[in-house]
Structures are given as C-alpha cells and as structure tokens.
PDB file of N, CA and C in Angstrom:
ATOM      1  N   MET A   1      88.469  48.299 -90.121  1.00  0.00           N
ATOM      2  CA  MET A   1      88.750  48.699 -91.594  1.00  0.00           C
ATOM      3  C   MET A   1      88.963  47.084 -92.204  1.00  0.00           C
ATOM      4  N   THR A   2      88.542  46.644 -93.393  1.00  0.00           N
ATOM      5  CA  THR A   2      88.601  45.644 -94.093  1.00  0.00           C
ATOM      6  C   THR A   2      89.960  45.921 -95.097  1.00  0.00           C
ATOM      7  N   GLU A   3      90.434  44.921 -94.986  1.00  0.00           N
ATOM      8  CA  GLU A   3      91.627  44.787 -96.215  1.00  0.00           C
ATOM      9  C   GLU A   3      91.663  43.675 -97.112  1.00  0.00           C
ATOM     10  N   LEU A   4      92.014  43.716 -98.337  1.00  0.00           N
ATOM     11  CA  LEU A   4      92.189  42.441 -99.156  1.00  0.00           C
ATOM     12  C   LEU A   4      93.605  42.291 -99.079  1.00  0.00           C
ATOM     13  N   VAL A   5      93.835  40.752 -98.685  1.00  0.00           N
ATOM     14  CA  VAL A   5      94.779  40.173 -98.232  1.00  0.00           C
ATOM     15  C   VAL A   5      95.442  39.160 -98.887  1.00  0.00           C
ATOM     16  N   LEU A   6      96.443  39.457 -99.170  1.00  0.00           N
ATOM     17  CA  LEU A   6      96.909  38.311-100.343  1.00  0.00           C
ATOM     18  C   LEU A   6      98.080  37.675 -99.412  1.00  0.00           C
ATOM     19  N   ASP A   7      98.188  36.309 -99.190  1.00  0.00           N
ATOM     20  CA  ASP A   7      99.288  35.417 -98.731  1.00  0.00           C
ATOM     21  C   ASP A   7      99.918  34.096 -99.167  1.00  0.00           C
ATOM     22  N   ALA A   8     100.914  34.247 -99.670  1.00  0.00           N
ATOM     23  CA  ALA A   8     102.043  33.404-100.044  1.00  0.00           C
ATOM     24  C   ALA A   8     101.027  32.976-101.688  1.00  0.00           C
ATOM     25  N   PHE A   9     100.776  33.941-102.278  1.00  0.00           N
ATOM     26  CA  PHE A   9      99.415  33.899-103.447  1.00  0.00           C
ATOM     27  C   PHE A   9     100.272  33.557-104.631  1.00  0.00           C
ATOM     28  N   THR A  10     100.048  32.198-105.637  1.00  0.00           N
ATOM     29  CA  THR A  10     100.407  31.824-106.442  1.00  0.00           C
ATOM     30  C   THR A  10      99.359  31.257-107.337  1.00  0.00           C
ATOM     31  N   VAL A  11      99.907  31.789-108.918  1.00  0.00           N
ATOM     32  CA  VAL A  11      98.830  31.605-110.083  1.00  0.00           C
ATOM     33  C   VAL A  11      99.759  30.960-111.189  1.00  0.00           C
ATOM     34  N   ALA A  12      99.273  30.158-111.669  1.00  0.00           N
ATOM     35  CA  ALA A  12      99.695  29.501-112.933  1.00  0.00           C
ATOM     36  C   ALA A  12      98.696  29.760-114.187  1.00  0.00           C
ATOM     37  N   ARG A  13      99.710  29.312-115.166  1.00  0.00           N
ATOM     38  CA  ARG A  13      98.822  29.692-116.562  1.00  0.00           C
ATOM     39  C   ARG A  13      99.634  28.690-117.494  1.00  0.00           C
ATOM     40  N   ASN A  14      98.823  27.405-117.830  1.00  0.00           N
ATOM     41  CA  ASN A  14      99.307  26.402-118.647  1.00  0.00           C
ATOM     42  C   ASN A  14     100.319  25.621-117.797  1.00  0.00           C
ATOM     43  N   GLY A  15      99.944  25.291-116.567  1.00  0.00           N
ATOM     44  CA  GLY A  15     100.573  24.428-115.991  1.00  0.00           C
ATOM     45  C   GLY A  15     102.052  25.242-115.430  1.00  0.00           C
ATOM     46  N   ARG A  16     102.574  26.534-115.600  1.00  0.00           N
ATOM     47  CA  ARG A  16     103.526  27.086-115.239  1.00  0.00           C
ATOM     48  C   ARG A  16     103.353  27.739-114.531  1.00  0.00           C
ATOM     49  N   PRO A  17     103.752  28.303-112.711  1.00  0.00           N
ATOM     50  CA  PRO A  17     103.830  29.341-112.104  1.00  0.00           C
ATOM     51  C   PRO A  17     104.251  30.650-112.967  1.00  0.00           C
ATOM     52  N   VAL A  18     103.287  31.592-112.725  1.00  0.00           N
ATOM     53  CA  VAL A  18     103.538  33.024-113.383  1.00  0.00           C
ATOM     54  C   VAL A  18     103.688  33.932-112.074  1.00  0.00           C
ATOM     55  N   VAL A  19     102.777  33.852-111.246  1.00  0.00           N
ATOM     56  CA  VAL A  19     102.710  34.654-110.073  1.00  0.00           C
ATOM     57  C   VAL A  19     103.267  33.835-108.902  1.00  0.00           C
ATOM     58  N   ARG A  20     103.997  34.394-107.799  1.00  0.00           N
ATOM     59  CA  ARG A  20     104.620  33.304-107.226  1.00  0.00           C
ATOM     60  C   ARG A  20     104.827  33.844-105.855  1.00  0.00           C
ATOM     61  N   ASP A  21     104.122  33.410-104.831  1.00  0.00           N
ATOM     62  CA  ASP A  21     104.529  33.767-103.449  1.00  0.00           C
ATOM     63  C   ASP A  21     103.962  35.505-103.314  1.00  0.00           C
ATOM     64  N   VAL A  22     103.066  35.577-103.634  1.00  0.00           N
ATOM     65  CA  VAL A  22     102.739  37.205-103.450  1.00  0.00           C
ATOM     66  C   VAL A  22     102.167  37.517-102.390  1.00  0.00           C
ATOM     67  N   HIS A  23     102.621  38.338-101.537  1.00  0.00           N
ATOM     68  CA  HIS A  23     102.202  39.046-100.128  1.00  0.00           C
ATOM     69  C   HIS A  23     101.697  40.197-100.037  1.00  0.00           C
ATOM     70  N   LEU A  24     100.316  41.190-100.154  1.00  0.00           N
ATOM     71  CA  LEU A  24      99.955  41.892-100.323  1.00  0.00           C
ATOM     72  C   LEU A  24      98.830  42.324 -99.407  1.00  0.00           C
ATOM     73  N   ALA A  25      98.663  43.530 -98.755  1.00  0.00           N
ATOM     74  CA  ALA A  25      97.551  44.181 -98.186  1.00  0.00           C
ATOM     75  C   ALA A  25      97.257  45.410 -98.494  1.00  0.00           C
ATOM     76  N   ILE A  26      95.775  45.386 -99.258  1.00  0.00           N
ATOM     77  CA  ILE A  26      95.302  46.779 -99.522  1.00  0.00           C
ATOM     78  C   ILE A  26      93.939  47.050 -98.581  1.00  0.00           C
ATOM     79  N   PRO A  27      94.351  48.066 -97.891  1.00  0.00           N
ATOM     80  CA  PRO A  27      93.276  48.741 -96.781  1.00  0.00           C
ATOM     81  C   PRO A  27      92.181  49.282 -97.714  1.00  0.00           C
ATOM     82  N   GLU A  28      90.906  48.935 -97.211  1.00  0.00           N
ATOM     83  CA  GLU A  28      89.653  49.247 -97.838  1.00  0.00           C
ATOM     84  C   GLU A  28      90.132  50.530 -98.250  1.00  0.00           C
ATOM     85  N   GLY A  29      88.757  50.919 -99.506  1.00  0.00           N
ATOM     86  CA  GLY A  29      89.433  52.562 -99.805  1.00  0.00           C
ATOM     87  C   GLY A  29      90.584  52.877-100.487  1.00  0.00           C
ATOM     88  N   GLU A  30      91.439  52.252-100.788  1.00  0.00           N
ATOM     89  CA  GLU A  30      92.998  52.484-101.104  1.00  0.00           C
ATOM     90  C   GLU A  30      92.953  52.101-102.695  1.00  0.00           C
ATOM     91  N   VAL A  31      93.275  53.184-103.572  1.00  0.00           N
ATOM     92  CA  VAL A  31      93.943  52.630-105.041  1.00  0.00           C
ATOM     93  C   VAL A  31      94.997  52.456-104.993  1.00  0.00           C
ATOM     94  N   THR A  32      95.250  50.896-105.635  1.00  0.00           N
ATOM     95  CA  THR A  32      96.678  50.330-105.659  1.00  0.00           C
ATOM     96  C   THR A  32      96.631  49.906-107.150  1.00  0.00           C
ATOM     97  N   ALA A  33      97.785  50.622-107.768  1.00  0.00           N
ATOM     98  CA  ALA A  33      98.378  50.342-109.056  1.00  0.00           C
ATOM     99  C   ALA A  33      99.037  48.821-109.389  1.00  0.00           C
ATOM    100  N   LEU A  34      99.086  47.929-110.228  1.00  0.00           N
ATOM    101  CA  LEU A  34     100.256  47.277-110.385  1.00  0.00           C
ATOM    102  C   LEU A  34     101.217  47.724-111.593  1.00  0.00           C
ATOM    103  N   LEU A  35     102.466  47.729-111.567  1.00  0.00           N
ATOM    104  CA  LEU A  35     103.263  48.406-112.529  1.00  0.00           C
ATOM    105  C   LEU A  35     103.987  47.331-112.854  1.00  0.00           C
ATOM    106  N   GLY A  36     104.661  46.997-114.487  1.00  0.00           N
ATOM    107  CA  GLY A  36     105.551  45.865-114.576  1.00  0.00           C
ATOM    108  C   GLY A  36     105.232  45.915-116.117  1.00  0.00           C
ATOM    109  N   PRO A  37     106.226  45.372-116.835  1.00  0.00           N
ATOM    110  CA  PRO A  37     106.481  45.512-118.421  1.00  0.00           C
ATOM    111  C   PRO A  37     105.395  44.155-118.537  1.00  0.00           C
ATOM    112  N   ASN A  38     104.964  44.132-120.027  1.00  0.00           N
ATOM    113  CA  ASN A  38     104.511  42.801-120.701  1.00  0.00           C
ATOM    114  C   ASN A  38     104.777  41.576-120.359  1.00  0.00           C
ATOM    115  N   GLY A  39     104.159  40.743-119.683  1.00  0.00           N
ATOM    116  CA  GLY A  39     104.419  39.337-119.313  1.00  0.00           C
ATOM    117  C   GLY A  39     104.770  39.388-117.783  1.00  0.00           C
ATOM    118  N   ALA A  40     104.716  40.158-116.959  1.00  0.00           N
ATOM    119  CA  ALA A  40     105.068  40.237-115.781  1.00  0.00           C
ATOM    120  C   ALA A  40     104.180  39.606-114.663  1.00  0.00           C
ATOM    121  N   GLY A  41     103.134  39.397-115.153  1.00  0.00           N
ATOM    122  CA  GLY A  41     102.245  38.491-114.182  1.00  0.00           C
ATOM    123  C   GLY A  41     101.004  39.257-113.478  1.00  0.00           C
ATOM    124  N   LYS A  42     100.859  40.803-114.207  1.00  0.00           N
ATOM    125  CA  LYS A  42      99.745  41.390-113.575  1.00  0.00           C
ATOM    126  C   LYS A  42      98.308  41.320-114.014  1.00  0.00           C
ATOM    127  N   SER A  43      98.071  40.717-115.087  1.00  0.00           N
ATOM    128  CA  SER A  43      96.878  40.525-115.514  1.00  0.00           C
ATOM    129  C   SER A  43      96.578  38.964-114.678  1.00  0.00           C
ATOM    130  N   SER A  44      97.507  37.918-114.744  1.00  0.00           N
ATOM    131  CA  SER A  44      97.250  36.821-113.606  1.00  0.00           C
ATOM    132  C   SER A  44      97.005  36.864-112.403  1.00  0.00           C
ATOM    133  N   LEU A  45      97.779  37.970-111.819  1.00  0.00           N
ATOM    134  CA  LEU A  45      97.357  38.287-110.457  1.00  0.00           C
ATOM    135  C   LEU A  45      96.194  38.604-110.227  1.00  0.00           C
ATOM    136  N   VAL A  46      95.658  39.919-110.909  1.00  0.00           N
ATOM    137  CA  VAL A  46      94.417  40.398-110.866  1.00  0.00           C
ATOM    138  C   VAL A  46      93.199  39.059-111.080  1.00  0.00           C
ATOM    139  N   LEU A  47      93.266  38.395-111.989  1.00  0.00           N
ATOM    140  CA  LEU A  47      92.511  37.153-112.738  1.00  0.00           C
ATOM    141  C   LEU A  47      92.228  36.328-111.559  1.00  0.00           C
ATOM    142  N   GLY A  48      93.548  36.054-110.717  1.00  0.00           N
ATOM    143  CA  GLY A  48      93.502  34.878-110.004  1.00  0.00           C
ATOM    144  C   GLY A  48      92.690  35.551-108.595  1.00  0.00           C
ATOM    145  N   VAL A  49      92.748  36.697-108.243  1.00  0.00           N
ATOM    146  CA  VAL A  49      92.237  37.237-107.017  1.00  0.00           C
ATOM    147  C   VAL A  49      90.847  37.500-107.091  1.00  0.00           C
ATOM    148  N   ALA A  50      90.229  37.869-108.312  1.00  0.00           N
ATOM    149  CA  ALA A  50      88.831  37.271-109.122  1.00  0.00           C
ATOM    150  C   ALA A  50      87.999  35.960-109.278  1.00  0.00           C
ATOM    151  N   GLY A  51      88.868  35.391-109.054  1.00  0.00           N
ATOM    152  CA  GLY A  51      88.249  33.984-109.389  1.00  0.00           C
ATOM    153  C   GLY A  51      88.448  33.338-110.804  1.00  0.00           C
ATOM    154  N   VAL A  52      88.839  34.505-111.677  1.00  0.00           N
ATOM    155  CA  VAL A  52      88.863  33.904-112.961  1.00  0.00           C
ATOM    156  C   VAL A  52      89.625  32.693-113.572  1.00  0.00           C
ATOM    157  N   LEU A  53      90.852  32.974-112.958  1.00  0.00           N
ATOM    158  CA  LEU A  53      92.126  31.814-112.778  1.00  0.00           C
ATOM    159  C   LEU A  53      92.057  31.119-111.290  1.00  0.00           C
ATOM    160  N   HIS A  54      92.405  30.093-111.153  1.00  0.00           N
ATOM    161  CA  HIS A  54      92.207  29.312-109.827  1.00  0.00           C
ATOM    162  C   HIS A  54      94.118  29.428-109.464  1.00  0.00           C
ATOM    163  N   PRO A  55      93.673  29.553-107.710  1.00  0.00           N
ATOM    164  CA  PRO A  55      95.479  29.994-107.426  1.00  0.00           C
ATOM    165  C   PRO A  55      96.146  28.618-107.244  1.00  0.00           C
ATOM    166  N   GLU A  56      97.235  28.366-107.376  1.00  0.00           N
ATOM    167  CA  GLU A  56      98.085  27.085-107.011  1.00  0.00           C
ATOM    168  C   GLU A  56      98.061  26.978-105.376  1.00  0.00           C
ATOM    169  N   ALA A  57      98.200  28.133-105.058  1.00  0.00           N
ATOM    170  CA  ALA A  57      98.833  28.464-103.378  1.00  0.00           C
ATOM    171  C   ALA A  57      98.219  29.302-103.191  1.00  0.00           C
ATOM    172  N   GLY A  58      98.269  29.540-101.533  1.00  0.00           N
ATOM    173  CA  GLY A  58      98.080  30.553-100.850  1.00  0.00           C
ATOM    174  C   GLY A  58      96.483  31.117-100.636  1.00  0.00           C
ATOM    175  N   THR A  59      96.445  32.346-100.176  1.00  0.00           N
ATOM    176  CA  THR A  59      95.033  32.695-100.014  1.00  0.00           C
ATOM    177  C   THR A  59      94.676  34.292-100.333  1.00  0.00           C
ATOM    178  N   VAL A  60      93.365  34.515-100.320  1.00  0.00           N
ATOM    179  CA  VAL A  60      92.921  35.594-100.626  1.00  0.00           C
ATOM    180  C   VAL A  60      91.905  35.691 -99.504  1.00  0.00           C
ATOM    181  N   LYS A  61      92.328  37.051 -99.054  1.00  0.00           N
ATOM    182  CA  LYS A  61      90.770  37.210 -97.882  1.00  0.00           C
ATOM    183  C   LYS A  61      90.664  38.694 -98.238  1.00  0.00           C
ATOM    184  N   VAL A  62      89.177  38.794 -97.533  1.00  0.00           N
ATOM    185  CA  VAL A  62      88.634  40.354 -97.437  1.00  0.00           C
ATOM    186  C   VAL A  62      88.155  40.074 -96.106  1.00  0.00           C
ATOM    187  N   GLY A  63      88.874  41.247 -95.195  1.00  0.00           N
ATOM    188  CA  GLY A  63      88.347  40.910 -93.778  1.00  0.00           C
ATOM    189  C   GLY A  63      89.148  39.523 -93.586  1.00  0.00           C
ATOM    190  N   ASP A  64      88.029  38.822 -92.803  1.00  0.00           N
ATOM    191  CA  ASP A  64      87.959  37.507 -92.007  1.00  0.00           C
ATOM    192  C   ASP A  64      87.705  36.276 -93.074  1.00  0.00           C
ATOM    193  N   ARG A  65      86.860  36.893 -94.327  1.00  0.00           N
ATOM    194  CA  ARG A  65      86.504  35.892 -95.225  1.00  0.00           C
ATOM    195  C   ARG A  65      87.617  35.570 -96.276  1.00  0.00           C
ATOM    196  N   ASP A  66      87.929  34.208 -96.285  1.00  0.00           N
ATOM    197  CA  ASP A  66      88.695  33.588 -97.146  1.00  0.00           C
ATOM    198  C   ASP A  66      87.988  33.212 -98.434  1.00  0.00           C
ATOM    199  N   LEU A  67      88.288  33.819 -99.656  1.00  0.00           N
ATOM    200  CA  LEU A  67      87.825  34.106-100.845  1.00  0.00           C
ATOM    201  C   LEU A  67      88.370  33.204-101.897  1.00  0.00           C
ATOM    202  N   THR A  68      89.578  32.566-101.487  1.00  0.00           N
ATOM    203  CA  THR A  68      90.548  31.630-102.128  1.00  0.00           C
ATOM    204  C   THR A  68      89.625  30.493-102.904  1.00  0.00           C
ATOM    205  N   GLY A  69      89.742  30.511-104.288  1.00  0.00           N
ATOM    206  CA  GLY A  69      89.072  29.443-105.124  1.00  0.00           C
ATOM    207  C   GLY A  69      87.636  29.647-105.094  1.00  0.00           C
ATOM    208  N   ARG A  70      86.884  30.726-104.966  1.00  0.00           N
ATOM    209  CA  ARG A  70      85.442  30.779-104.719  1.00  0.00           C
ATOM    210  C   ARG A  70      85.115  31.466-106.256  1.00  0.00           C
ATOM    211  N   ARG A  71      84.353  30.995-106.653  1.00  0.00           N
ATOM    212  CA  ARG A  71      83.629  31.582-108.093  1.00  0.00           C
ATOM    213  C   ARG A  71      83.666  33.276-107.957  1.00  0.00           C
ATOM    214  N   PRO A  72      83.894  33.484-109.455  1.00  0.00           N
ATOM    215  CA  PRO A  72      83.804  35.190-109.582  1.00  0.00           C
ATOM    216  C   PRO A  72      82.900  35.830-109.003  1.00  0.00           C
ATOM    217  N   GLU A  73      81.702  35.289-109.210  1.00  0.00           N
ATOM    218  CA  GLU A  73      80.128  35.943-108.876  1.00  0.00           C
ATOM    219  C   GLU A  73      80.733  35.983-107.208  1.00  0.00           C
ATOM    220  N   ARG A  74      80.807  35.348-106.190  1.00  0.00           N
ATOM    221  CA  ARG A  74      81.006  35.185-104.932  1.00  0.00           C
ATOM    222  C   ARG A  74      81.957  36.221-104.290  1.00  0.00           C
ATOM    223  N   ILE A  75      83.071  36.178-105.261  1.00  0.00           N
ATOM    224  CA  ILE A  75      84.319  37.312-104.807  1.00  0.00           C
ATOM    225  C   ILE A  75      83.528  38.552-105.271  1.00  0.00           C
ATOM    226  N   ARG A  76      82.827  38.830-106.011  1.00  0.00           N
ATOM    227  CA  ARG A  76      82.444  40.154-106.226  1.00  0.00           C
ATOM    228  C   ARG A  76      81.085  40.866-105.172  1.00  0.00           C
ATOM    229  N   GLN A  77      80.545  39.631-104.648  1.00  0.00           N
ATOM    230  CA  GLN A  77      79.628  39.932-104.039  1.00  0.00           C
ATOM    231  C   GLN A  77      80.488  40.522-102.481  1.00  0.00           C
ATOM    232  N   ALA A  78      81.703  40.134-102.453  1.00  0.00           N
ATOM    233  CA  ALA A  78      82.517  40.477-101.537  1.00  0.00           C
ATOM    234  C   ALA A  78      82.984  41.578-101.502  1.00  0.00           C
ATOM    235  N   GLY A  79      82.940  42.142-102.822  1.00  0.00           N
ATOM    236  CA  GLY A  79      83.410  43.520-102.798  1.00  0.00           C
ATOM    237  C   GLY A  79      84.455  43.681-103.514  1.00  0.00           C
ATOM    238  N   VAL A  80      84.918  42.855-104.097  1.00  0.00           N
ATOM    239  CA  VAL A  80      85.988  42.704-105.081  1.00  0.00           C
ATOM    240  C   VAL A  80      85.907  42.385-106.339  1.00  0.00           C
ATOM    241  N   ALA A  81      86.136  43.499-107.372  1.00  0.00           N
ATOM    242  CA  ALA A  81      85.644  43.458-108.763  1.00  0.00           C
ATOM    243  C   ALA A  81      86.785  43.814-109.742  1.00  0.00           C
ATOM    244  N   VAL A  82      86.636  43.370-110.743  1.00  0.00           N
ATOM    245  CA  VAL A  82      87.904  43.538-111.808  1.00  0.00           C
ATOM    246  C   VAL A  82      87.205  44.463-112.910  1.00  0.00           C
ATOM    247  N   VAL A  83      87.708  45.425-113.740  1.00  0.00           N
ATOM    248  CA  VAL A  83      87.476  46.507-114.416  1.00  0.00           C
ATOM    249  C   VAL A  83      87.922  46.181-115.452  1.00  0.00           C
ATOM    250  N   PRO A  84      87.545  45.381-116.525  1.00  0.00           N
ATOM    251  CA  PRO A  84      88.401  45.200-117.624  1.00  0.00           C
ATOM    252  C   PRO A  84      88.946  46.317-118.360  1.00  0.00           C
ATOM    253  N   GLU A  85      90.091  46.613-119.002  1.00  0.00           N
ATOM    254  CA  GLU A  85      90.438  47.548-119.828  1.00  0.00           C
ATOM    255  C   GLU A  85      90.830  47.052-121.256  1.00  0.00           C
ATOM    256  N   GLY A  86      90.642  47.918-122.078  1.00  0.00           N
ATOM    257  CA  GLY A  86      91.501  47.768-123.579  1.00  0.00           C
ATOM    258  C   GLY A  86      90.298  47.256-124.445  1.00  0.00           C
ATOM    259  N   ARG A  87      89.174  46.833-123.943  1.00  0.00           N
ATOM    260  CA  ARG A  87      88.204  46.070-124.362  1.00  0.00           C
ATOM    261  C   ARG A  87      87.050  47.115-124.958  1.00  0.00           C
ATOM    262  N   ARG A  88      86.731  48.179-124.717  1.00  0.00           N
ATOM    263  CA  ARG A  88      86.022  49.290-125.125  1.00  0.00           C
ATOM    264  C   ARG A  88      84.369  48.728-124.877  1.00  0.00           C
ATOM    265  N   LEU A  89      84.379  48.104-123.796  1.00  0.00           N
ATOM    266  CA  LEU A  89      83.067  47.264-123.517  1.00  0.00           C
ATOM    267  C   LEU A  89      82.026  48.422-122.971  1.00  0.00           C
ATOM    268  N   LEU A  90      82.794  49.522-122.207  1.00  0.00           N
ATOM    269  CA  LEU A  90      82.302  50.654-121.505  1.00  0.00           C
ATOM    270  C   LEU A  90      82.465  51.729-122.142  1.00  0.00           C
ATOM    271  N   SER A  91      82.649  51.983-123.432  1.00  0.00           N
ATOM    272  CA  SER A  91      83.205  53.205-124.140  1.00  0.00           C
ATOM    273  C   SER A  91      82.789  54.157-124.167  1.00  0.00           C
ATOM    274  N   GLU A  92      81.141  54.561-124.054  1.00  0.00           N
ATOM    275  CA  GLU A  92      80.263  55.715-124.095  1.00  0.00           C
ATOM    276  C   GLU A  92      80.441  56.201-122.521  1.00  0.00           C
ATOM    277  N   LEU A  93      80.996  55.562-121.629  1.00  0.00           N
ATOM    278  CA  LEU A  93      81.213  56.455-120.253  1.00  0.00           C
ATOM    279  C   LEU A  93      82.354  56.871-119.906  1.00  0.00           C
ATOM    280  N   THR A  94      82.162  57.787-119.231  1.00  0.00           N
ATOM    281  CA  THR A  94      83.807  58.661-118.851  1.00  0.00           C
ATOM    282  C   THR A  94      84.371  57.831-118.328  1.00  0.00           C
ATOM    283  N   VAL A  95      85.622  57.982-118.036  1.00  0.00           N
ATOM    284  CA  VAL A  95      86.628  57.579-116.923  1.00  0.00           C
ATOM    285  C   VAL A  95      86.437  57.162-115.563  1.00  0.00           C
ATOM    286  N   GLU A  96      85.422  58.015-114.884  1.00  0.00           N
ATOM    287  CA  GLU A  96      85.069  58.084-113.344  1.00  0.00           C
ATOM    288  C   GLU A  96      83.864  56.988-113.482  1.00  0.00           C
ATOM    289  N   ASP A  97      83.145  56.913-114.349  1.00  0.00           N
ATOM    290  CA  ASP A  97      82.047  56.128-114.914  1.00  0.00           C
ATOM    291  C   ASP A  97      82.245  54.780-114.742  1.00  0.00           C
ATOM    292  N   ASN A  98      83.685  54.658-115.787  1.00  0.00           N
ATOM    293  CA  ASN A  98      83.983  53.417-115.765  1.00  0.00           C
ATOM    294  C   ASN A  98      84.796  52.946-114.378  1.00  0.00           C
ATOM    295  N   ILE A  99      84.981  53.397-113.635  1.00  0.00           N
ATOM    296  CA  ILE A  99      85.920  52.918-112.343  1.00  0.00           C
ATOM    297  C   ILE A  99      84.697  52.819-111.140  1.00  0.00           C
ATOM    298  N   SER A 100      83.536  53.395-111.561  1.00  0.00           N
ATOM    299  CA  SER A 100      82.500  53.238-110.192  1.00  0.00           C
ATOM    300  C   SER A 100      81.967  52.182-110.818  1.00  0.00           C
ATOM    301  N   VAL A 101      81.853  51.600-111.866  1.00  0.00           N
ATOM    302  CA  VAL A 101      81.051  50.452-112.311  1.00  0.00           C
ATOM    303  C   VAL A 101      81.548  49.024-111.221  1.00  0.00           C
ATOM    304  N   ALA A 102      82.569  49.026-110.889  1.00  0.00           N
ATOM    305  CA  ALA A 102      83.224  47.894-109.896  1.00  0.00           C
ATOM    306  C   ALA A 102      82.514  48.391-108.565  1.00  0.00           C
ATOM    307  N   CYS A 103      82.132  49.415-108.185  1.00  0.00           N
ATOM    308  CA  CYS A 103      81.908  50.050-106.656  1.00  0.00           C
ATOM    309  C   CYS A 103      80.457  49.628-106.403  1.00  0.00           C
TER     310      CYS A 103
END
C-alpha cells in the first residue's frame, strides 16, 4: 500500500512559518479531513504538499518517491491533487463529480 507521508513538514507565508513540524501518514484510499479555525494553516499545509507553496523544511513522500519541492504538475502525476473549494470552478458538477476530478 502507498502512503502519503509528511515528515517534519514546515511551510511559510511571507517569510513566517505558519505550519511547523507536521508529521502525518495517510494510507492510499483513505479520506482525511483537516479541521481548524481560520488562520490555522489548513490551506498552507495543503498548498505546500501540492507544490504551490515551497516547504521550508521536511519531506513529502508518496511511497518511496520524494515529492518535496517538486513542481505541482509532477506532484499531481504522482497521484496527489488539490481540488479547490469556494471558487465555483466546477459549479455545474455534483459533489461526487467534483471529488472525482482529483482521481
């Protein structure tokens, strides 16, 4: 089974770390939710994993492939995708269809 693993993952915005030293393992096929108040770093964490923001420290791996600092399209090719919310990009699709866009 392939896992998405974050080890000591740190992401900064405007030069200040906003997500620090995250350790997380998500098995293949699992659905995982990030919950927290506004400003807690949920979006920064996801954007860092997806390669939109560059991590300051730590690693992102899928199985034995190190994706840390790779371009977003390379990360997507490895099977990691971000589906934006709140932008009504795919508003004509059902919730199920929106989720399946990332697959």
